[in-house]
Amino acid sequence: MTKNLKNQREGKKCPMCGQPGIKVIREDTIFGGVWVENVPFEHCPNCHERYCDLATAQQLEAIADNPAKYARMIERPVAHVV
């Protein structure tokens, strides 16, 4: 991301609370039952709302619609606390 674009987003106001200071963060998330890594979200440090842009939302939908095309299968150990 260019420095100019980053500065524009950081001056952007949150659509939920109206306060400035949006930061771009990258997080792992589960969408449509698929673990998706490194998803860019815009995050408001004031109300803690996070949301993604239209292009990212469309990409998440495509992944959820056809996970075999985009995802790889991995095994993880899972423990259950009684």
PDB file of N, CA and C in Angstrom:
ATOM      1  N   MET A   1       0.843  -1.163   0.000  1.00  0.00           N
ATOM      2  CA  MET A   1       0.000   0.000   0.000  1.00  0.00           C
ATOM      3  C   MET A   1       0.895   1.235   0.000  1.00  0.00           C
ATOM      4  N   THR A   2       0.563   2.207  -0.816  1.00  0.00           N
ATOM      5  CA  THR A   2       1.382   3.399  -0.866  1.00  0.00           C
ATOM      6  C   THR A   2       1.160   4.241   0.381  1.00  0.00           C
ATOM      7  N   LYS A   3       2.152   5.052   0.705  1.00  0.00           N
ATOM      8  CA  LYS A   3       2.057   5.898   1.901  1.00  0.00           C
ATOM      9  C   LYS A   3       0.881   6.869   1.781  1.00  0.00           C
ATOM     10  N   ASN A   4       0.650   7.422   0.580  1.00  0.00           N
ATOM     11  CA  ASN A   4      -0.438   8.359   0.374  1.00  0.00           C
ATOM     12  C   ASN A   4      -1.795   7.703   0.624  1.00  0.00           C
ATOM     13  N   LEU A   5      -1.988   6.487   0.095  1.00  0.00           N
ATOM     14  CA  LEU A   5      -3.247   5.774   0.303  1.00  0.00           C
ATOM     15  C   LEU A   5      -3.441   5.458   1.780  1.00  0.00           C
ATOM     16  N   LYS A   6      -2.374   5.059   2.461  1.00  0.00           N
ATOM     17  CA  LYS A   6      -2.455   4.762   3.890  1.00  0.00           C
ATOM     18  C   LYS A   6      -2.869   6.016   4.665  1.00  0.00           C
ATOM     19  N   ASN A   7      -2.286   7.161   4.333  1.00  0.00           N
ATOM     20  CA  ASN A   7      -2.637   8.404   5.006  1.00  0.00           C
ATOM     21  C   ASN A   7      -4.089   8.789   4.743  1.00  0.00           C
ATOM     22  N   GLN A   8      -4.595   8.545   3.526  1.00  0.00           N
ATOM     23  CA  GLN A   8      -5.991   8.844   3.221  1.00  0.00           C
ATOM     24  C   GLN A   8      -6.924   7.992   4.077  1.00  0.00           C
ATOM     25  N   ARG A   9      -6.618   6.715   4.229  1.00  0.00           N
ATOM     26  CA  ARG A   9      -7.474   5.844   5.026  1.00  0.00           C
ATOM     27  C   ARG A   9      -7.423   6.211   6.496  1.00  0.00           C
ATOM     28  N   GLU A  10      -6.245   6.588   7.004  1.00  0.00           N
ATOM     29  CA  GLU A  10      -6.130   6.932   8.406  1.00  0.00           C
ATOM     30  C   GLU A  10      -6.891   8.212   8.728  1.00  0.00           C
ATOM     31  N   GLY A  11      -7.082   9.103   7.760  1.00  0.00           N
ATOM     32  CA  GLY A  11      -7.874  10.300   7.964  1.00  0.00           C
ATOM     33  C   GLY A  11      -9.358  10.058   7.727  1.00  0.00           C
ATOM     34  N   LYS A  12      -9.701   8.889   7.236  1.00  0.00           N
ATOM     35  CA  LYS A  12     -11.071   8.526   6.930  1.00  0.00           C
ATOM     36  C   LYS A  12     -11.882   8.361   8.209  1.00  0.00           C
ATOM     37  N   LYS A  13     -13.142   8.767   8.155  1.00  0.00           N
ATOM     38  CA  LYS A  13     -14.024   8.636   9.313  1.00  0.00           C
ATOM     39  C   LYS A  13     -14.710   7.278   9.315  1.00  0.00           C
ATOM     40  N   CYS A  14     -14.932   6.763  10.493  1.00  0.00           N
ATOM     41  CA  CYS A  14     -15.619   5.486  10.670  1.00  0.00           C
ATOM     42  C   CYS A  14     -17.094   5.634  10.292  1.00  0.00           C
ATOM     43  N   PRO A  15     -17.627   4.728   9.491  1.00  0.00           N
ATOM     44  CA  PRO A  15     -19.042   4.818   9.128  1.00  0.00           C
ATOM     45  C   PRO A  15     -19.975   4.485  10.295  1.00  0.00           C
ATOM     46  N   MET A  16     -19.451   3.875  11.344  1.00  0.00           N
ATOM     47  CA  MET A  16     -20.292   3.514  12.489  1.00  0.00           C
ATOM     48  C   MET A  16     -20.361   4.637  13.530  1.00  0.00           C
ATOM     49  N   CYS A  17     -19.199   5.163  13.950  1.00  0.00           N
ATOM     50  CA  CYS A  17     -19.182   6.164  15.017  1.00  0.00           C
ATOM     51  C   CYS A  17     -18.876   7.582  14.524  1.00  0.00           C
ATOM     52  N   GLY A  18     -18.379   7.694  13.278  1.00  0.00           N
ATOM     53  CA  GLY A  18     -18.095   9.003  12.706  1.00  0.00           C
ATOM     54  C   GLY A  18     -16.770   9.615  13.110  1.00  0.00           C
ATOM     55  N   GLN A  19     -15.978   8.921  13.902  1.00  0.00           N
ATOM     56  CA  GLN A  19     -14.692   9.441  14.355  1.00  0.00           C
ATOM     57  C   GLN A  19     -13.605   9.142  13.325  1.00  0.00           C
ATOM     58  N   PRO A  20     -12.616  10.030  13.183  1.00  0.00           N
ATOM     59  CA  PRO A  20     -11.500   9.765  12.268  1.00  0.00           C
ATOM     60  C   PRO A  20     -10.503   8.794  12.884  1.00  0.00           C
ATOM     61  N   GLY A  21      -9.601   8.288  12.061  1.00  0.00           N
ATOM     62  CA  GLY A  21      -8.510   7.469  12.570  1.00  0.00           C
ATOM     63  C   GLY A  21      -8.527   6.023  12.123  1.00  0.00           C
ATOM     64  N   ILE A  22      -9.243   5.714  11.041  1.00  0.00           N
ATOM     65  CA  ILE A  22      -9.307   4.338  10.542  1.00  0.00           C
ATOM     66  C   ILE A  22      -7.893   3.826  10.246  1.00  0.00           C
ATOM     67  N   LYS A  23      -7.603   2.630  10.697  1.00  0.00           N
ATOM     68  CA  LYS A  23      -6.320   1.968  10.444  1.00  0.00           C
ATOM     69  C   LYS A  23      -6.573   0.707   9.631  1.00  0.00           C
ATOM     70  N   VAL A  24      -5.661   0.391   8.730  1.00  0.00           N
ATOM     71  CA  VAL A  24      -5.746  -0.854   7.983  1.00  0.00           C
ATOM     72  C   VAL A  24      -4.980  -1.913   8.756  1.00  0.00           C
ATOM     73  N   ILE A  25      -5.658  -3.011   9.084  1.00  0.00           N
ATOM     74  CA  ILE A  25      -5.035  -4.125   9.782  1.00  0.00           C
ATOM     75  C   ILE A  25      -5.227  -5.380   8.948  1.00  0.00           C
ATOM     76  N   ARG A  26      -4.428  -6.387   9.201  1.00  0.00           N
ATOM     77  CA  ARG A  26      -4.588  -7.681   8.535  1.00  0.00           C
ATOM     78  C   ARG A  26      -4.779  -8.727   9.613  1.00  0.00           C
ATOM     79  N   GLU A  27      -5.837  -9.513   9.459  1.00  0.00           N
ATOM     80  CA  GLU A  27      -6.167 -10.540  10.448  1.00  0.00           C
ATOM     81  C   GLU A  27      -6.580 -11.821   9.750  1.00  0.00           C
ATOM     82  N   ASP A  28      -6.465 -12.906  10.475  1.00  0.00           N
ATOM     83  CA  ASP A  28      -7.019 -14.174  10.024  1.00  0.00           C
ATOM     84  C   ASP A  28      -8.471 -14.213  10.479  1.00  0.00           C
ATOM     85  N   THR A  29      -9.332 -14.822   9.681  1.00  0.00           N
ATOM     86  CA  THR A  29     -10.741 -14.889  10.029  1.00  0.00           C
ATOM     87  C   THR A  29     -11.354 -16.165   9.457  1.00  0.00           C
ATOM     88  N   ILE A  30     -12.506 -16.525   9.958  1.00  0.00           N
ATOM     89  CA  ILE A  30     -13.272 -17.636   9.395  1.00  0.00           C
ATOM     90  C   ILE A  30     -14.439 -17.024   8.628  1.00  0.00           C
ATOM     91  N   PHE A  31     -14.547 -17.385   7.358  1.00  0.00           N
ATOM     92  CA  PHE A  31     -15.628 -16.868   6.523  1.00  0.00           C
ATOM     93  C   PHE A  31     -16.201 -18.026   5.727  1.00  0.00           C
ATOM     94  N   GLY A  32     -17.485 -18.251   5.856  1.00  0.00           N
ATOM     95  CA  GLY A  32     -18.133 -19.341   5.124  1.00  0.00           C
ATOM     96  C   GLY A  32     -17.574 -20.701   5.497  1.00  0.00           C
ATOM     97  N   GLY A  33     -17.098 -20.838   6.735  1.00  0.00           N
ATOM     98  CA  GLY A  33     -16.550 -22.105   7.193  1.00  0.00           C
ATOM     99  C   GLY A  33     -15.120 -22.362   6.760  1.00  0.00           C
ATOM    100  N   VAL A  34     -14.471 -21.351   6.157  1.00  0.00           N
ATOM    101  CA  VAL A  34     -13.093 -21.488   5.678  1.00  0.00           C
ATOM    102  C   VAL A  34     -12.195 -20.530   6.461  1.00  0.00           C
ATOM    103  N   TRP A  35     -11.087 -21.047   6.967  1.00  0.00           N
ATOM    104  CA  TRP A  35     -10.095 -20.207   7.641  1.00  0.00           C
ATOM    105  C   TRP A  35      -9.349 -19.424   6.568  1.00  0.00           C
ATOM    106  N   VAL A  36      -9.404 -18.096   6.629  1.00  0.00           N
ATOM    107  CA  VAL A  36      -8.773 -17.240   5.626  1.00  0.00           C
ATOM    108  C   VAL A  36      -7.715 -16.395   6.330  1.00  0.00           C
ATOM    109  N   GLU A  37      -6.503 -16.445   5.828  1.00  0.00           N
ATOM    110  CA  GLU A  37      -5.390 -15.735   6.445  1.00  0.00           C
ATOM    111  C   GLU A  37      -5.127 -14.397   5.772  1.00  0.00           C
ATOM    112  N   ASN A  38      -4.629 -13.449   6.567  1.00  0.00           N
ATOM    113  CA  ASN A  38      -4.105 -12.174   6.072  1.00  0.00           C
ATOM    114  C   ASN A  38      -5.157 -11.314   5.371  1.00  0.00           C
ATOM    115  N   VAL A  39      -6.351 -11.246   5.922  1.00  0.00           N
ATOM    116  CA  VAL A  39      -7.446 -10.470   5.322  1.00  0.00           C
ATOM    117  C   VAL A  39      -7.300  -9.005   5.736  1.00  0.00           C
ATOM    118  N   PRO A  40      -7.294  -8.065   4.767  1.00  0.00           N
ATOM    119  CA  PRO A  40      -7.207  -6.646   5.139  1.00  0.00           C
ATOM    120  C   PRO A  40      -8.562  -6.115   5.608  1.00  0.00           C
ATOM    121  N   PHE A  41      -8.565  -5.531   6.778  1.00  0.00           N
ATOM    122  CA  PHE A  41      -9.756  -4.894   7.337  1.00  0.00           C
ATOM    123  C   PHE A  41      -9.426  -3.450   7.653  1.00  0.00           C
ATOM    124  N   GLU A  42     -10.433  -2.594   7.580  1.00  0.00           N
ATOM    125  CA  GLU A  42     -10.297  -1.247   8.107  1.00  0.00           C
ATOM    126  C   GLU A  42     -10.849  -1.307   9.532  1.00  0.00           C
ATOM    127  N   HIS A  43     -10.069  -0.787  10.480  1.00  0.00           N
ATOM    128  CA  HIS A  43     -10.411  -0.908  11.899  1.00  0.00           C
ATOM    129  C   HIS A  43     -10.502   0.478  12.530  1.00  0.00           C
ATOM    130  N   CYS A  44     -11.558   0.708  13.289  1.00  0.00           N
ATOM    131  CA  CYS A  44     -11.727   1.969  14.001  1.00  0.00           C
ATOM    132  C   CYS A  44     -11.195   1.802  15.423  1.00  0.00           C
ATOM    133  N   PRO A  45     -10.199   2.598  15.820  1.00  0.00           N
ATOM    134  CA  PRO A  45      -9.661   2.492  17.167  1.00  0.00           C
ATOM    135  C   PRO A  45     -10.606   3.063  18.226  1.00  0.00           C
ATOM    136  N   ASN A  46     -11.650   3.783  17.791  1.00  0.00           N
ATOM    137  CA  ASN A  46     -12.583   4.396  18.736  1.00  0.00           C
ATOM    138  C   ASN A  46     -13.706   3.442  19.143  1.00  0.00           C
ATOM    139  N   CYS A  47     -14.416   2.878  18.165  1.00  0.00           N
ATOM    140  CA  CYS A  47     -15.542   1.981  18.472  1.00  0.00           C
ATOM    141  C   CYS A  47     -15.192   0.514  18.238  1.00  0.00           C
ATOM    142  N   HIS A  48     -13.996   0.255  17.700  1.00  0.00           N
ATOM    143  CA  HIS A  48     -13.469  -1.093  17.449  1.00  0.00           C
ATOM    144  C   HIS A  48     -14.238  -1.858  16.377  1.00  0.00           C
ATOM    145  N   GLU A  49     -15.002  -1.157  15.569  1.00  0.00           N
ATOM    146  CA  GLU A  49     -15.656  -1.786  14.421  1.00  0.00           C
ATOM    147  C   GLU A  49     -14.586  -2.121  13.384  1.00  0.00           C
ATOM    148  N   ARG A  50     -14.761  -3.247  12.705  1.00  0.00           N
ATOM    149  CA  ARG A  50     -13.860  -3.581  11.604  1.00  0.00           C
ATOM    150  C   ARG A  50     -14.708  -3.988  10.415  1.00  0.00           C
ATOM    151  N   TYR A  51     -14.245  -3.618   9.249  1.00  0.00           N
ATOM    152  CA  TYR A  51     -14.970  -3.940   8.024  1.00  0.00           C
ATOM    153  C   TYR A  51     -13.983  -4.008   6.876  1.00  0.00           C
ATOM    154  N   CYS A  52     -14.413  -4.625   5.780  1.00  0.00           N
ATOM    155  CA  CYS A  52     -13.536  -4.736   4.614  1.00  0.00           C
ATOM    156  C   CYS A  52     -14.173  -4.015   3.437  1.00  0.00           C
ATOM    157  N   ASP A  53     -13.350  -3.722   2.455  1.00  0.00           N
ATOM    158  CA  ASP A  53     -13.846  -3.038   1.266  1.00  0.00           C
ATOM    159  C   ASP A  53     -14.563  -4.035   0.351  1.00  0.00           C
ATOM    160  N   LEU A  54     -15.183  -3.522  -0.690  1.00  0.00           N
ATOM    161  CA  LEU A  54     -15.980  -4.352  -1.594  1.00  0.00           C
ATOM    162  C   LEU A  54     -15.139  -5.426  -2.272  1.00  0.00           C
ATOM    163  N   ALA A  55     -13.940  -5.083  -2.724  1.00  0.00           N
ATOM    164  CA  ALA A  55     -13.090  -6.062  -3.408  1.00  0.00           C
ATOM    165  C   ALA A  55     -12.732  -7.220  -2.489  1.00  0.00           C
ATOM    166  N   THR A  56     -12.424  -6.919  -1.228  1.00  0.00           N
ATOM    167  CA  THR A  56     -12.096  -7.970  -0.263  1.00  0.00           C
ATOM    168  C   THR A  56     -13.330  -8.819   0.039  1.00  0.00           C
ATOM    169  N   ALA A  57     -14.480  -8.183   0.187  1.00  0.00           N
ATOM    170  CA  ALA A  57     -15.722  -8.922   0.444  1.00  0.00           C
ATOM    171  C   ALA A  57     -16.038  -9.866  -0.716  1.00  0.00           C
ATOM    172  N   GLN A  58     -15.825  -9.411  -1.934  1.00  0.00           N
ATOM    173  CA  GLN A  58     -16.069 -10.261  -3.100  1.00  0.00           C
ATOM    174  C   GLN A  58     -15.097 -11.435  -3.136  1.00  0.00           C
ATOM    175  N   GLN A  59     -13.850 -11.183  -2.755  1.00  0.00           N
ATOM    176  CA  GLN A  59     -12.868 -12.260  -2.719  1.00  0.00           C
ATOM    177  C   GLN A  59     -13.218 -13.279  -1.638  1.00  0.00           C
ATOM    178  N   LEU A  60     -13.684 -12.818  -0.484  1.00  0.00           N
ATOM    179  CA  LEU A  60     -14.111 -13.734   0.580  1.00  0.00           C
ATOM    180  C   LEU A  60     -15.296 -14.582   0.125  1.00  0.00           C
ATOM    181  N   GLU A  61     -16.236 -13.971  -0.579  1.00  0.00           N
ATOM    182  CA  GLU A  61     -17.391 -14.711  -1.114  1.00  0.00           C
ATOM    183  C   GLU A  61     -16.934 -15.780  -2.101  1.00  0.00           C
ATOM    184  N   ALA A  62     -15.989 -15.437  -2.962  1.00  0.00           N
ATOM    185  CA  ALA A  62     -15.477 -16.407  -3.942  1.00  0.00           C
ATOM    186  C   ALA A  62     -14.796 -17.577  -3.233  1.00  0.00           C
ATOM    187  N   ILE A  63     -14.049 -17.283  -2.183  1.00  0.00           N
ATOM    188  CA  ILE A  63     -13.392 -18.343  -1.412  1.00  0.00           C
ATOM    189  C   ILE A  63     -14.427 -19.246  -0.756  1.00  0.00           C
ATOM    190  N   ALA A  64     -15.453 -18.656  -0.159  1.00  0.00           N
ATOM    191  CA  ALA A  64     -16.497 -19.443   0.504  1.00  0.00           C
ATOM    192  C   ALA A  64     -17.296 -20.278  -0.494  1.00  0.00           C
ATOM    193  N   ASP A  65     -17.516 -19.751  -1.702  1.00  0.00           N
ATOM    194  CA  ASP A  65     -18.270 -20.473  -2.724  1.00  0.00           C
ATOM    195  C   ASP A  65     -17.504 -21.652  -3.306  1.00  0.00           C
ATOM    196  N   ASN A  66     -16.177 -21.559  -3.352  1.00  0.00           N
ATOM    197  CA  ASN A  66     -15.365 -22.613  -3.948  1.00  0.00           C
ATOM    198  C   ASN A  66     -14.055 -22.769  -3.178  1.00  0.00           C
ATOM    199  N   PRO A  67     -14.118 -23.265  -1.928  1.00  0.00           N
ATOM    200  CA  PRO A  67     -12.906 -23.341  -1.120  1.00  0.00           C
ATOM    201  C   PRO A  67     -11.825 -24.235  -1.720  1.00  0.00           C
ATOM    202  N   ALA A  68     -12.193 -25.266  -2.462  1.00  0.00           N
ATOM    203  CA  ALA A  68     -11.197 -26.166  -3.041  1.00  0.00           C
ATOM    204  C   ALA A  68     -10.289 -25.427  -4.028  1.00  0.00           C
ATOM    205  N   LYS A  69     -10.798 -24.388  -4.661  1.00  0.00           N
ATOM    206  CA  LYS A  69     -10.011 -23.625  -5.623  1.00  0.00           C
ATOM    207  C   LYS A  69      -8.979 -22.726  -4.928  1.00  0.00           C
ATOM    208  N   TYR A  70      -9.315 -22.220  -3.743  1.00  0.00           N
ATOM    209  CA  TYR A  70      -8.476 -21.229  -3.088  1.00  0.00           C
ATOM    210  C   TYR A  70      -7.737 -21.737  -1.848  1.00  0.00           C
ATOM    211  N   ALA A  71      -8.251 -22.788  -1.232  1.00  0.00           N
ATOM    212  CA  ALA A  71      -7.726 -23.206   0.063  1.00  0.00           C
ATOM    213  C   ALA A  71      -6.907 -24.482  -0.051  1.00  0.00           C
ATOM    214  N   ARG A  72      -6.104 -24.711   0.953  1.00  0.00           N
ATOM    215  CA  ARG A  72      -5.380 -25.962   1.077  1.00  0.00           C
ATOM    216  C   ARG A  72      -5.815 -26.594   2.395  1.00  0.00           C
ATOM    217  N   MET A  73      -5.799 -27.887   2.450  1.00  0.00           N
ATOM    218  CA  MET A  73      -6.199 -28.599   3.662  1.00  0.00           C
ATOM    219  C   MET A  73      -4.981 -28.778   4.552  1.00  0.00           C
ATOM    220  N   ILE A  74      -5.139 -28.468   5.824  1.00  0.00           N
ATOM    221  CA  ILE A  74      -4.091 -28.710   6.806  1.00  0.00           C
ATOM    222  C   ILE A  74      -4.712 -29.368   8.015  1.00  0.00           C
ATOM    223  N   GLU A  75      -3.927 -30.099   8.751  1.00  0.00           N
ATOM    224  CA  GLU A  75      -4.408 -30.725   9.976  1.00  0.00           C
ATOM    225  C   GLU A  75      -3.864 -29.947  11.163  1.00  0.00           C
ATOM    226  N   ARG A  76      -4.713 -29.783  12.183  1.00  0.00           N
ATOM    227  CA  ARG A  76      -4.300 -29.111  13.393  1.00  0.00           C
ATOM    228  C   ARG A  76      -4.723 -29.947  14.594  1.00  0.00           C
ATOM    229  N   PRO A  77      -3.894 -29.977  15.610  1.00  0.00           N
ATOM    230  CA  PRO A  77      -4.322 -30.660  16.824  1.00  0.00           C
ATOM    231  C   PRO A  77      -5.419 -29.846  17.511  1.00  0.00           C
ATOM    232  N   VAL A  78      -6.424 -30.512  18.024  1.00  0.00           N
ATOM    233  CA  VAL A  78      -7.537 -29.856  18.699  1.00  0.00           C
ATOM    234  C   VAL A  78      -7.726 -30.509  20.047  1.00  0.00           C
ATOM    235  N   ALA A  79      -7.788 -29.715  21.085  1.00  0.00           N
ATOM    236  CA  ALA A  79      -8.017 -30.224  22.439  1.00  0.00           C
ATOM    237  C   ALA A  79      -9.349 -29.725  22.945  1.00  0.00           C
ATOM    238  N   HIS A  80      -9.932 -30.460  23.829  1.00  0.00           N
ATOM    239  CA  HIS A  80     -11.226 -30.091  24.411  1.00  0.00           C
ATOM    240  C   HIS A  80     -11.056 -29.993  25.922  1.00  0.00           C
ATOM    241  N   VAL A  81     -11.402 -28.874  26.498  1.00  0.00           N
ATOM    242  CA  VAL A  81     -11.311 -28.688  27.939  1.00  0.00           C
ATOM    243  C   VAL A  81     -12.643 -29.102  28.559  1.00  0.00           C
ATOM    244  N   VAL A  82     -12.566 -29.990  29.522  1.00  0.00           N
ATOM    245  CA  VAL A  82     -13.791 -30.505  30.173  1.00  0.00           C
ATOM    246  C   VAL A  82     -14.157 -29.650  31.353  1.00  0.00           C
TER     247      VAL A  82
END
